[in-house]
Each structure stands twice: as C-alpha cells, then as structure tokens.
Amino acid sequence: MIDEKLKSELETILGKGHVSLSKMDLEAYAFVQGTGADIIGHKLADVVVLPANALEVSEVVKLANRYKLPVVPQGARTNSCGMNVAHKGGIVMDMSRLNQEMSIDEDNMVVVADAGCSVYWVMRELDKKGLRFPFMPLYTPGPQIGSAVACNVTGNYMTRYGSMGDNIVGLEVVMPTGEIITFGPGAMDTGWGHYQRYVGGPDLIGLFVNASGAMGIVTKVAVRIKPKVEHEKILCYGWKREHAKELTEAMYGMQRRFVYDFFLINKWNYHSAEVQGKIALPDDVHFIAMVSVDGASEIELNLEVERIVKIAEDNKAIDLADLGILTMGAPHYRIWLSVSKWMQRIEATYFWCPVKKFPEIYDIWEDVTRKYNFWDGEHCPAWFSFHGRNTCNPYPMLAKANPTDPHELEQMKLWWDELNIKLCAAGCVQYNLGDAFPDQNYEVLGEQWNLTRKIKKFLDPNMIMNPSRTYGGL
C-alpha cells in the first residue's frame, strides 16, 4: 500500500499532477486492449505515475527498490500476454510523457526517439522526408516506440525487413537498480552517434527486446529507417478453406521471392464490413491475402507482378481485384478491422511457426475455437498473420460477444489455455510471454529459459521490475 510518506516522495520526483491514487485511474490502468486482467485476475496497482524523462524514471525505480514495490511500465496497453498489467500491485508507470524528443539522422538512416513517442507520429515525420519505418505496426491506439521494443512489435512489411528487434541500433534503458545506461555506439562520448548495433562485445540490446520491461525500462530508442519504395502495387487473392495446402505453397513461393509484404487474413475479419454492406466476399473464399510488390521502376514492378501472379495462379488462387486496396489503402483504410460490437475488446494469442506448417496450425486454431462454440459472427474468430522470409507470425483473435458474462469469460480462459498448449505442443513459439500463458509455453524452452531467469535475478535482485511467475517472480 502507498502511505502518505511514499506518495509525498513520488510527488517530489514527478510533481503532484503526475501521481495518482484515484480508484478510477487505478481501474482504468488495470485493463488493456488485449489479454490481461480478465484472464489472469483483476488486481489494481497501488499508484499510477507519469514520468517525463529518464531521470524521473530512474528516481522512481530507486524509490521502488527501497520500498520493494513492483514497477510495471505501460505504453498504449495493447499487449497480448498479460505482462503489462499490475497483477502484483505496486507502481504502474505510464510512459506517455516521454515524447519530447525525436530526430531523424538521414546520414546514418536512423531515427532516435523518446520511448513515449508514437510510432505512427514517427512514421508521419519520416514520410515527409521520403523515408519509411522498416515496417508498419498494426495496433490501436498507436504503439509507443519504447513498448515496441519491449514487445518486439511486428507489422506489415516485416516480410522484407523483419520485426522491431531486427532493426534496433541503440537503446537508453533504466536498469532495475535505477542506473541509466545507453547501449550501442551511441554510448560513446565521441563518435557518430547511433549507427551500428554491435560494439565488439555481446549483443546486450537483445536483453530488452521482447522482455516486457522485466529487464529494464526503455527510455530512448534508435531504429533503422528505409527509403520509401518508388513503385508499389497491392495484389489481393483468396483461397477456399479446402485449399490451405495450395495457399501454403503460394505463401512459400512468394516469401522466397523476397516479396515486399505478405499479409494473410480469414473471412471473419470482414464480417462487420459484410454485415454493413461495405463489401461482398465470394461465398467460397475463406482465406484472403494482400501481397505488396515493389520495384525501382514501372518495368521492374511489372516484371515482379508477373512472377507473383504466376505463383498465385499455379496454386488455385482466386483474384479479388481491388479488395487489397480497399483493405490496405486510403480512403477505406482497413475496413475489415472492426470485428466487434464491443469496440474490439479481444482475446488474442500471437506466435511464430514455419510457413510450411500453416495447414496444421490453422486446423488447431479452428478445431479448438469450434470446440468452445466461438466459431461464429458474434465472436469473430479473426485470423491474421504477418510473414517473415520463412515464417508465419499469426495473431488469431476473438472479439468477445459479451465481456460481462462470467460464464463466457470462464469458457474464454479454457479456450485460451487449450489453444496455447496445443500450439506449443505442435512446435510453435510464442511471440511474447507473460502470466496469461500456461506454464508449458515457456517451460518447454528448458535451459534457455532457466538462463533467462538467472539473468533476470542478477539484474533485478529485488525482483521489482515487472515481476511475474514467467520470470520467477513471486
């Protein structure tokens, strides 16, 4: 519990307007867009704080160590594994005020931004200079760049360039002890700033990627940027449910051709749009893929389009014409995304699997979801997956029909556990771990996970930094 002495100390660090014990605020910070308190249990933080810079973050962390209070950093609260809710109480640290500094280093092709900066804002500023973020995150209400590191954010165009972790060249981090450390060559007093990730020693940046703040709180990020493509075309194809194997061969062929982006969804993503009469999918189409093709010239683009079209036609694809533009581009940007009458209050899991395993994995998704009677328009079992060079990065989700129904919440938890256990048994690896997952999902990693927990204990002897059973917390 927070007593008056501790509250006063926090207000001395942050200012009175940036410390809240309000029950309304604590309730608001207990819930997130994805899986969280509804799966692992409703527990309020003791206090919410809003630091403005790395020094204030550091002082709060030092104070938390003295009082042995958990510290849970939060970005825009769209995590899908329950690691960004304060289910052990303590301090929730809203990082949104760390958004004052952002610079674009065109010489080194790097953008450097405070952790609270919106990735979408950074993307808009890059666009003005003819540059592009390495991929396009697909989250609402907009990921902060610090939490993009903590969750290793993915998105469209990662087929070409990979996820957030593949593009980071430098970090500033407040460690669990309160020390402020810069990683990468940006740590040097002399030199050219953030231009390269590796500095001759171990790759310590990786400790903080996908760690959900358990190893430290990211306060500044340097990430690679790319030139905008000169010519681009979005193709759209559909496949019948019984043609999952042919779809897999098409995905594999296109991804091996280093296509700019491959983005796969199922028909449930369009359920709301169809009900509203915005689109009409062919009755036999179950899978829909948006394929982004690029080239340095119109001639090069057309040649690449011909290659992709042939792969699609050889694998029983159904040409869906302009649906890809309606889905991916202005002015109808993502008409498919509204899948829930409850404002997209969702339960979603997120994992990786080899692209060739897609039919097997999709069968697991559909079978478990049908078992719990969620395969319908009320729950919208919407599958979408980003794709790497040889992988699927699926994000299957349910839009809850009634999040106030205790029986449905109980069924949702059973569904969630069974789905993730079966995916794990099939060899899938989780995109991000947290207390919402069954123990099997991280214990299967064996000695690798044991070493991760040892590193966590070494860096955070008081186990205050986003503690969880996943990382050996109490």
Protein backbone atom coordinates (compact mmCIF):
# COMPACT_ATOMS: atom_id res chain seq x y z
CA MET A 1 0.00 0.00 0.00
CA ILE A 2 1.07 3.58 -0.63
CA ASP A 3 1.26 5.69 2.53
CA GLU A 4 1.45 9.48 2.69
CA LYS A 5 5.25 9.43 3.04
CA LEU A 6 5.73 7.43 -0.14
CA LYS A 7 3.14 9.48 -2.01
CA SER A 8 4.96 12.66 -0.98
CA GLU A 9 8.30 11.23 -2.19
CA LEU A 10 6.78 10.34 -5.56
CA GLU A 11 5.28 13.82 -5.89
CA THR A 12 8.66 15.35 -5.10
CA ILE A 13 10.15 13.43 -8.04
CA LEU A 14 7.30 13.83 -10.51
CA GLY A 15 5.13 16.74 -9.41
CA LYS A 16 1.68 16.43 -7.79
CA GLY A 17 -0.18 16.29 -11.09
CA HIS A 18 1.68 13.17 -12.19
CA VAL A 19 0.95 10.82 -9.28
CA SER A 20 -2.49 9.29 -8.87
CA LEU A 21 -4.10 7.13 -6.21
CA SER A 22 -7.56 7.65 -7.69
CA LYS A 23 -9.63 4.45 -7.74
CA MET A 24 -10.95 5.45 -11.16
CA ASP A 25 -7.42 5.80 -12.56
CA LEU A 26 -6.28 2.54 -10.99
CA GLU A 27 -9.25 0.73 -12.54
CA ALA A 28 -8.51 2.24 -15.95
CA TYR A 29 -4.89 1.09 -15.87
CA ALA A 30 -5.89 -2.45 -14.83
CA PHE A 31 -7.29 -3.30 -18.26
CA VAL A 32 -5.67 -3.46 -21.67
CA GLN A 33 -6.72 -3.88 -25.29
CA GLY A 34 -5.58 -7.49 -25.45
CA THR A 35 -5.37 -10.31 -22.95
CA GLY A 36 -4.76 -9.09 -19.42
CA ALA A 37 -6.61 -8.77 -16.15
CA ASP A 38 -9.66 -10.66 -17.43
CA ILE A 39 -7.51 -13.79 -17.91
CA ILE A 40 -5.02 -13.61 -15.01
CA GLY A 41 -7.23 -11.95 -12.40
CA HIS A 42 -8.28 -8.42 -11.59
CA LYS A 43 -5.66 -6.70 -9.44
CA LEU A 44 -5.19 -2.96 -9.09
CA ALA A 45 -1.89 -1.12 -8.89
CA ASP A 46 -1.26 0.91 -5.76
CA VAL A 47 -0.36 4.06 -7.66
CA VAL A 48 -0.04 5.38 -11.23
CA VAL A 49 2.87 7.67 -12.10
CA LEU A 50 3.72 9.60 -15.28
CA PRO A 51 7.44 10.41 -15.53
CA ALA A 52 8.65 12.96 -18.10
CA ASN A 53 12.23 11.79 -18.69
CA ALA A 54 14.79 9.07 -17.97
CA LEU A 55 16.00 10.76 -14.78
CA GLU A 56 12.48 10.72 -13.29
CA VAL A 57 12.09 7.07 -14.30
CA SER A 58 15.39 6.34 -12.59
CA GLU A 59 14.41 8.06 -9.35
CA VAL A 60 11.07 6.22 -9.22
CA VAL A 61 12.82 2.88 -9.75
CA LYS A 62 15.32 3.65 -6.97
CA LEU A 63 12.43 4.52 -4.67
CA ALA A 64 10.64 1.30 -5.61
CA ASN A 65 13.74 -0.68 -4.66
CA ARG A 66 13.79 0.90 -1.21
CA TYR A 67 10.13 0.02 -0.64
CA LYS A 68 10.28 -3.33 -2.52
CA LEU A 69 7.40 -2.26 -4.77
CA PRO A 70 6.80 -3.75 -8.23
CA VAL A 71 7.15 -1.37 -11.18
CA VAL A 72 5.12 -2.08 -14.32
CA PRO A 73 5.83 0.17 -17.33
CA GLN A 74 2.92 0.69 -19.71
CA GLY A 75 2.80 2.08 -23.23
CA ALA A 76 -0.50 2.21 -25.07
CA ARG A 77 -1.64 -1.02 -23.34
CA THR A 78 -2.13 -3.32 -26.34
CA ASN A 79 -0.05 -6.26 -25.13
CA SER A 80 -1.47 -9.73 -25.80
CA CYS A 81 0.10 -11.77 -22.99
CA GLY A 82 -0.83 -10.05 -19.72
CA MET A 83 2.64 -8.68 -18.95
CA ASN A 84 1.56 -5.04 -18.84
CA VAL A 85 -0.97 -5.16 -16.03
CA ALA A 86 -0.02 -4.77 -12.38
CA HIS A 87 -1.31 -8.13 -11.22
CA LYS A 88 1.06 -7.95 -8.24
CA GLY A 89 0.16 -4.36 -7.34
CA GLY A 90 2.81 -1.69 -6.96
CA ILE A 91 3.56 1.17 -9.35
CA VAL A 92 2.18 1.45 -12.87
CA MET A 93 4.45 3.74 -14.88
CA ASP A 94 2.68 5.38 -17.83
CA MET A 95 5.42 6.26 -20.33
CA SER A 96 3.32 8.59 -22.49
CA ARG A 97 5.00 11.82 -21.29
CA LEU A 98 8.40 10.68 -22.57
CA ASN A 99 7.59 12.00 -26.03
CA GLN A 100 9.52 15.27 -26.32
CA GLU A 101 12.50 14.38 -28.48
CA MET A 102 12.62 12.75 -31.90
CA SER A 103 15.33 13.25 -34.50
CA ILE A 104 15.89 11.78 -37.96
CA ASP A 105 19.53 11.08 -38.80
CA GLU A 106 19.45 10.75 -42.59
CA ASP A 107 23.22 10.24 -42.85
CA ASN A 108 23.06 7.10 -40.73
CA MET A 109 19.47 6.23 -41.78
CA VAL A 110 18.35 6.10 -38.14
CA VAL A 111 15.52 7.70 -36.19
CA VAL A 112 16.10 8.38 -32.48
CA ALA A 113 13.03 8.92 -30.31
CA ASP A 114 11.94 9.09 -26.68
CA ALA A 115 10.22 5.90 -25.59
CA GLY A 116 6.78 7.51 -25.33
CA CYS A 117 6.75 8.78 -28.92
CA SER A 118 4.00 7.27 -31.03
CA VAL A 119 5.35 5.05 -33.79
CA TYR A 120 2.64 6.47 -36.04
CA TRP A 121 3.87 10.02 -35.39
CA VAL A 122 7.42 8.91 -36.21
CA MET A 123 6.11 7.30 -39.41
CA ARG A 124 4.39 10.52 -40.48
CA GLU A 125 7.56 12.56 -39.92
CA LEU A 126 9.59 10.06 -41.91
CA ASP A 127 7.05 10.20 -44.73
CA LYS A 128 7.67 13.94 -45.11
CA LYS A 129 11.30 13.13 -45.92
CA GLY A 130 10.59 10.30 -48.33
CA LEU A 131 11.58 7.72 -45.72
CA ARG A 132 9.79 4.82 -44.11
CA PHE A 133 9.78 2.97 -40.80
CA PRO A 134 11.04 -0.57 -41.51
CA PHE A 135 7.53 -2.00 -41.06
CA MET A 136 4.01 -0.81 -40.33
CA PRO A 137 2.68 -1.83 -36.88
CA LEU A 138 -0.96 -2.79 -36.71
CA TYR A 139 -2.11 -1.74 -33.26
CA THR A 140 -4.54 0.69 -31.70
CA PRO A 141 -4.46 3.38 -30.36
CA GLY A 142 -0.88 3.57 -31.62
CA PRO A 143 2.20 1.85 -30.17
CA GLN A 144 4.82 3.83 -28.34
CA ILE A 145 8.29 3.19 -29.67
CA GLY A 146 9.63 2.09 -26.27
CA SER A 147 6.93 -0.53 -25.83
CA ALA A 148 7.53 -1.52 -29.46
CA VAL A 149 10.96 -2.67 -28.23
CA ALA A 150 9.61 -4.25 -25.04
CA CYS A 151 7.14 -6.30 -27.12
CA ASN A 152 9.24 -6.66 -30.30
CA VAL A 153 6.46 -5.14 -32.38
CA THR A 154 5.73 -6.60 -35.79
CA GLY A 155 3.52 -5.48 -38.66
CA ASN A 156 3.07 -5.15 -42.38
CA TYR A 157 6.26 -5.13 -44.50
CA MET A 158 8.20 -7.25 -41.99
CA THR A 159 8.40 -9.84 -44.79
CA ARG A 160 11.19 -7.70 -46.22
CA TYR A 161 12.79 -6.14 -43.15
CA GLY A 162 11.83 -8.17 -40.07
CA SER A 163 10.42 -7.11 -36.69
CA MET A 164 11.38 -4.26 -34.37
CA GLY A 165 14.17 -6.28 -32.78
CA ASP A 166 15.80 -6.81 -36.17
CA ASN A 167 16.09 -3.05 -36.75
CA ILE A 168 17.26 -1.57 -33.43
CA VAL A 169 20.72 0.02 -33.34
CA GLY A 170 20.66 1.64 -29.91
CA LEU A 171 18.75 1.95 -26.64
CA GLU A 172 18.73 4.04 -23.49
CA VAL A 173 17.49 1.92 -20.58
CA VAL A 174 16.79 2.49 -16.90
CA MET A 175 18.02 -0.70 -15.27
CA PRO A 176 16.19 -2.40 -12.37
CA THR A 177 18.66 -0.73 -9.96
CA GLY A 178 17.86 2.72 -11.35
CA GLU A 179 21.07 3.15 -13.37
CA ILE A 180 20.66 4.81 -16.79
CA ILE A 181 22.66 3.01 -19.48
CA THR A 182 22.98 3.58 -23.23
CA PHE A 183 23.63 0.58 -25.45
CA GLY A 184 25.26 0.53 -28.88
CA PRO A 185 27.85 3.04 -30.21
CA GLY A 186 25.58 5.88 -29.08
CA ALA A 187 27.04 5.17 -25.63
CA MET A 188 30.39 6.61 -26.75
CA ASP A 189 31.20 10.17 -25.76
CA THR A 190 32.98 10.59 -29.09
CA GLY A 191 31.89 9.15 -32.40
CA TRP A 192 28.98 9.40 -34.78
CA GLY A 193 26.04 8.51 -32.57
CA HIS A 194 23.70 5.60 -33.23
CA TYR A 195 24.82 3.99 -36.45
CA GLN A 196 25.52 0.33 -35.63
CA ARG A 197 24.13 -2.15 -33.14
CA TYR A 198 27.27 -4.09 -32.35
CA VAL A 199 30.20 -2.69 -30.37
CA GLY A 200 32.64 -5.59 -30.23
CA GLY A 201 31.14 -7.24 -27.15
CA PRO A 202 27.97 -9.27 -26.53
CA ASP A 203 24.72 -8.01 -28.06
CA LEU A 204 23.23 -6.64 -24.84
CA ILE A 205 20.43 -4.83 -26.69
CA GLY A 206 18.74 -8.20 -27.10
CA LEU A 207 18.17 -8.41 -23.34
CA PHE A 208 15.45 -5.78 -23.58
CA VAL A 209 13.75 -6.84 -26.80
CA ASN A 210 10.54 -8.74 -26.04
CA ALA A 211 11.24 -8.62 -22.29
CA SER A 212 8.11 -6.55 -21.49
CA GLY A 213 10.09 -4.30 -19.19
CA ALA A 214 11.22 -7.17 -16.95
CA MET A 215 14.92 -6.48 -17.59
CA GLY A 216 14.70 -2.68 -17.55
CA ILE A 217 12.64 0.26 -18.79
CA VAL A 218 13.45 1.54 -22.27
CA THR A 219 13.53 5.35 -22.33
CA LYS A 220 15.03 6.10 -25.77
CA VAL A 221 15.21 4.10 -28.99
CA ALA A 222 17.34 4.30 -32.13
CA VAL A 223 15.97 2.27 -35.03
CA ARG A 224 16.93 1.84 -38.67
CA ILE A 225 14.82 3.54 -41.32
CA LYS A 226 14.40 2.76 -45.01
CA PRO A 227 13.79 4.72 -48.20
CA LYS A 228 10.19 4.70 -49.41
CA VAL A 229 9.59 2.30 -52.26
CA GLU A 230 9.48 4.02 -55.63
CA HIS A 231 6.75 1.88 -57.21
CA GLU A 232 4.35 -0.41 -55.35
CA LYS A 233 1.27 -2.47 -56.16
CA ILE A 234 -1.10 -4.34 -53.84
CA LEU A 235 -2.44 -7.64 -55.18
CA CYS A 236 -5.26 -9.49 -53.45
CA TYR A 237 -6.09 -13.19 -53.69
CA GLY A 238 -8.50 -15.57 -52.00
CA TRP A 239 -8.42 -19.30 -51.35
CA LYS A 240 -11.09 -21.81 -50.39
CA ARG A 241 -10.83 -23.42 -46.96
CA GLU A 242 -10.01 -26.80 -48.53
CA HIS A 243 -7.11 -25.26 -50.43
CA ALA A 244 -4.97 -24.44 -47.38
CA LYS A 245 -2.10 -26.52 -48.76
CA GLU A 246 -2.14 -24.64 -52.06
CA LEU A 247 -2.24 -21.36 -50.16
CA THR A 248 0.81 -22.52 -48.20
CA GLU A 249 2.73 -23.25 -51.39
CA ALA A 250 1.82 -19.79 -52.71
CA MET A 251 2.97 -18.13 -49.47
CA TYR A 252 6.20 -20.09 -49.52
CA GLY A 253 6.92 -19.21 -53.12
CA MET A 254 6.16 -15.51 -52.69
CA GLN A 255 8.11 -15.16 -49.45
CA ARG A 256 11.14 -16.86 -51.01
CA ARG A 257 10.96 -14.29 -53.78
CA PHE A 258 11.51 -11.68 -51.06
CA VAL A 259 8.14 -10.07 -51.78
CA TYR A 260 7.80 -6.68 -50.06
CA ASP A 261 4.91 -7.84 -47.89
CA PHE A 262 2.60 -10.81 -47.49
CA PHE A 263 -0.39 -10.33 -45.18
CA LEU A 264 -2.94 -13.10 -44.61
CA ILE A 265 -6.39 -12.88 -43.02
CA ASN A 266 -9.52 -15.03 -42.96
CA LYS A 267 -13.10 -14.18 -43.87
CA TRP A 268 -14.10 -13.36 -40.27
CA ASN A 269 -12.07 -10.16 -40.45
CA TYR A 270 -14.61 -8.85 -42.96
CA HIS A 271 -17.71 -9.96 -41.04
CA SER A 272 -18.65 -6.49 -39.81
CA ALA A 273 -17.95 -4.92 -43.21
CA GLU A 274 -20.13 -7.53 -44.92
CA VAL A 275 -22.97 -7.06 -42.44
CA GLN A 276 -22.82 -3.31 -43.11
CA GLY A 277 -22.89 -3.92 -46.87
CA LYS A 278 -19.46 -2.39 -47.50
CA ILE A 279 -18.13 -5.43 -49.32
CA ALA A 280 -19.32 -8.84 -50.53
CA LEU A 281 -16.81 -11.67 -50.50
CA PRO A 282 -17.33 -14.64 -52.81
CA ASP A 283 -19.12 -17.37 -50.83
CA ASP A 284 -16.34 -19.92 -51.23
CA VAL A 285 -13.45 -17.65 -50.19
CA HIS A 286 -12.11 -18.33 -46.70
CA PHE A 287 -8.53 -17.00 -46.81
CA ILE A 288 -7.57 -13.58 -48.17
CA ALA A 289 -4.01 -12.41 -48.82
CA MET A 290 -2.75 -8.92 -49.55
CA VAL A 291 0.57 -9.07 -51.39
CA SER A 292 2.64 -5.89 -51.74
CA VAL A 293 5.04 -5.90 -54.68
CA ASP A 294 7.61 -3.19 -55.36
CA GLY A 295 10.17 -2.14 -57.93
CA ALA A 296 12.66 0.60 -58.69
CA SER A 297 10.82 1.37 -61.94
CA GLU A 298 7.49 0.58 -63.58
CA ILE A 299 9.23 -2.02 -65.74
CA GLU A 300 10.78 -3.75 -62.72
CA LEU A 301 7.47 -3.60 -60.84
CA ASN A 302 5.57 -5.15 -63.72
CA LEU A 303 8.09 -7.99 -64.04
CA GLU A 304 7.79 -8.76 -60.35
CA VAL A 305 3.99 -8.60 -60.50
CA GLU A 306 4.06 -11.16 -63.34
CA ARG A 307 6.11 -13.55 -61.19
CA ILE A 308 3.77 -13.20 -58.19
CA VAL A 309 0.64 -13.58 -60.35
CA LYS A 310 2.00 -16.83 -61.78
CA ILE A 311 2.70 -18.24 -58.31
CA ALA A 312 -0.85 -17.36 -57.27
CA GLU A 313 -2.48 -18.81 -60.40
CA ASP A 314 -0.44 -22.04 -60.12
CA ASN A 315 -1.83 -22.55 -56.60
CA LYS A 316 -5.60 -22.17 -57.06
CA ALA A 317 -5.80 -18.52 -56.01
CA ILE A 318 -8.96 -16.51 -56.71
CA ASP A 319 -8.25 -12.97 -57.90
CA LEU A 320 -10.07 -10.50 -55.61
CA ALA A 321 -9.17 -7.44 -57.68
CA ASP A 322 -9.38 -4.16 -55.71
CA LEU A 323 -10.15 -5.67 -52.31
CA GLY A 324 -6.49 -5.30 -51.38
CA ILE A 325 -6.61 -1.55 -51.98
CA LEU A 326 -9.88 -1.25 -50.03
CA THR A 327 -8.26 -3.14 -47.17
CA MET A 328 -4.79 -1.61 -47.11
CA GLY A 329 -5.09 1.88 -48.55
CA ALA A 330 -6.91 5.21 -48.30
CA PRO A 331 -9.67 6.24 -48.19
CA HIS A 332 -11.16 2.95 -46.90
CA TYR A 333 -8.13 2.08 -44.79
CA ARG A 334 -8.69 -1.26 -43.05
CA ILE A 335 -12.45 -1.52 -43.45
CA TRP A 336 -12.10 -5.10 -42.27
CA LEU A 337 -10.69 -4.29 -38.85
CA SER A 338 -13.93 -3.56 -36.97
CA VAL A 339 -14.86 -7.05 -35.84
CA SER A 340 -16.58 -6.50 -32.51
CA LYS A 341 -19.65 -4.66 -31.32
CA TRP A 342 -17.76 -4.34 -28.03
CA MET A 343 -15.19 -1.96 -29.56
CA GLN A 344 -12.71 -4.75 -30.28
CA ARG A 345 -12.34 -5.96 -26.72
CA ILE A 346 -10.39 -9.03 -27.77
CA GLU A 347 -8.58 -12.14 -26.66
CA ALA A 348 -5.66 -12.89 -28.91
CA THR A 349 -2.62 -15.10 -28.94
CA TYR A 350 0.45 -14.39 -31.03
CA PHE A 351 3.16 -16.82 -32.11
CA TRP A 352 5.61 -17.93 -34.80
CA CYS A 353 5.63 -21.06 -36.95
CA PRO A 354 7.33 -22.16 -40.17
CA VAL A 355 5.26 -21.19 -43.20
CA LYS A 356 5.10 -24.83 -44.35
CA LYS A 357 3.29 -25.75 -41.09
CA PHE A 358 0.40 -23.38 -41.79
CA PRO A 359 -2.30 -26.00 -42.62
CA GLU A 360 -1.61 -27.94 -39.42
CA ILE A 361 -1.61 -24.80 -37.26
CA TYR A 362 -4.76 -23.37 -38.80
CA ASP A 363 -6.54 -26.69 -38.17
CA ILE A 364 -5.62 -26.42 -34.47
CA TRP A 365 -6.98 -22.87 -34.36
CA GLU A 366 -10.27 -23.79 -35.98
CA ASP A 367 -10.79 -27.07 -34.09
CA VAL A 368 -10.23 -25.57 -30.62
CA THR A 369 -12.32 -22.50 -31.43
CA ARG A 370 -15.21 -24.62 -32.71
CA LYS A 371 -14.99 -26.82 -29.62
CA TYR A 372 -15.84 -23.83 -27.40
CA ASN A 373 -18.57 -22.58 -29.78
CA PHE A 374 -16.69 -19.41 -30.71
CA TRP A 375 -16.63 -20.04 -34.47
CA ASP A 376 -19.43 -17.58 -35.30
CA GLY A 377 -20.20 -13.97 -36.14
CA GLU A 378 -20.71 -12.99 -32.51
CA HIS A 379 -17.15 -13.91 -31.59
CA CYS A 380 -15.50 -13.30 -34.99
CA PRO A 381 -12.58 -15.77 -34.85
CA ALA A 382 -10.41 -13.48 -36.95
CA TRP A 383 -7.04 -14.79 -38.08
CA PHE A 384 -4.38 -12.54 -39.44
CA SER A 385 -0.71 -13.20 -39.88
CA PHE A 386 2.35 -11.19 -40.77
CA HIS A 387 5.10 -13.10 -42.53
CA GLY A 388 8.88 -13.26 -42.41
CA ARG A 389 11.15 -14.80 -45.01
CA ASN A 390 10.25 -18.36 -44.00
CA THR A 391 7.69 -17.90 -41.22
CA CYS A 392 4.12 -17.10 -40.35
CA ASN A 393 3.57 -14.70 -37.46
CA PRO A 394 -0.13 -15.35 -36.73
CA TYR A 395 -2.35 -13.26 -34.47
CA PRO A 396 -5.64 -15.19 -34.23
CA MET A 397 -8.19 -13.50 -32.01
CA LEU A 398 -11.74 -13.47 -30.74
CA ALA A 399 -13.88 -10.38 -30.43
CA LYS A 400 -15.85 -11.05 -27.28
CA ALA A 401 -19.59 -11.13 -27.75
CA ASN A 402 -20.22 -10.25 -24.11
CA PRO A 403 -17.27 -9.44 -21.83
CA THR A 404 -19.63 -9.02 -18.84
CA ASP A 405 -20.82 -12.66 -18.92
CA PRO A 406 -18.92 -14.66 -16.22
CA HIS A 407 -19.64 -18.00 -17.94
CA GLU A 408 -18.25 -16.74 -21.23
CA LEU A 409 -15.14 -15.40 -19.53
CA GLU A 410 -14.62 -18.81 -17.92
CA GLN A 411 -15.01 -20.50 -21.32
CA MET A 412 -12.62 -17.97 -22.83
CA LYS A 413 -9.93 -18.93 -20.30
CA LEU A 414 -10.38 -22.64 -21.05
CA TRP A 415 -10.23 -21.91 -24.77
CA TRP A 416 -7.11 -19.76 -24.33
CA ASP A 417 -5.23 -22.38 -22.32
CA GLU A 418 -6.09 -25.30 -24.61
CA LEU A 419 -5.25 -23.34 -27.74
CA ASN A 420 -1.84 -22.23 -26.46
CA ILE A 421 -0.94 -25.65 -25.08
CA LYS A 422 -1.76 -27.31 -28.41
CA LEU A 423 0.13 -24.69 -30.40
CA CYS A 424 3.14 -25.17 -28.13
CA ALA A 425 2.94 -28.97 -28.49
CA ALA A 426 2.93 -28.51 -32.28
CA GLY A 427 6.26 -26.64 -32.08
CA CYS A 428 5.06 -23.02 -32.27
CA VAL A 429 6.98 -20.44 -30.25
CA GLN A 430 5.26 -17.52 -28.57
CA TYR A 431 5.82 -14.03 -29.85
CA ASN A 432 5.82 -12.69 -26.28
CA LEU A 433 5.43 -14.43 -22.92
CA GLY A 434 3.54 -13.48 -19.80
CA ASP A 435 1.39 -14.65 -16.93
CA ALA A 436 -1.62 -15.17 -19.18
CA PHE A 437 0.04 -18.23 -20.73
CA PRO A 438 0.10 -21.77 -19.34
CA ASP A 439 3.47 -22.65 -17.79
CA GLN A 440 4.16 -25.10 -20.61
CA ASN A 441 4.59 -22.25 -23.09
CA TYR A 442 7.85 -21.13 -21.51
CA GLU A 443 8.99 -24.23 -19.60
CA VAL A 444 9.36 -26.04 -22.92
CA LEU A 445 12.34 -23.73 -23.60
CA GLY A 446 14.32 -25.65 -20.97
CA GLU A 447 17.82 -24.42 -20.17
CA GLN A 448 17.38 -21.33 -22.34
CA TRP A 449 14.55 -20.18 -20.11
CA ASN A 450 16.43 -21.13 -16.95
CA LEU A 451 19.29 -18.89 -18.07
CA THR A 452 16.84 -16.06 -18.81
CA ARG A 453 15.52 -16.28 -15.25
CA LYS A 454 19.05 -16.26 -13.83
CA ILE A 455 19.87 -13.11 -15.82
CA LYS A 456 16.65 -11.51 -14.57
CA LYS A 457 17.57 -12.28 -10.95
CA PHE A 458 21.09 -10.92 -11.45
CA LEU A 459 19.89 -7.64 -12.99
CA ASP A 460 16.95 -7.25 -10.61
CA PRO A 461 17.87 -8.70 -7.19
CA ASN A 462 14.75 -7.26 -5.55
CA MET A 463 12.54 -8.62 -8.39
CA ILE A 464 10.62 -5.35 -8.67
CA MET A 465 10.77 -4.79 -12.42
CA ASN A 466 7.51 -6.10 -13.88
CA PRO A 467 7.65 -9.26 -11.75
CA SER A 468 5.76 -12.35 -12.86
CA ARG A 469 5.82 -16.10 -12.42
CA THR A 470 7.08 -16.22 -16.00
CA TYR A 471 10.36 -14.63 -14.88
CA GLY A 472 10.46 -16.31 -11.48
CA GLY A 473 8.64 -13.57 -9.57
CA LEU A 474 6.57 -14.37 -6.51
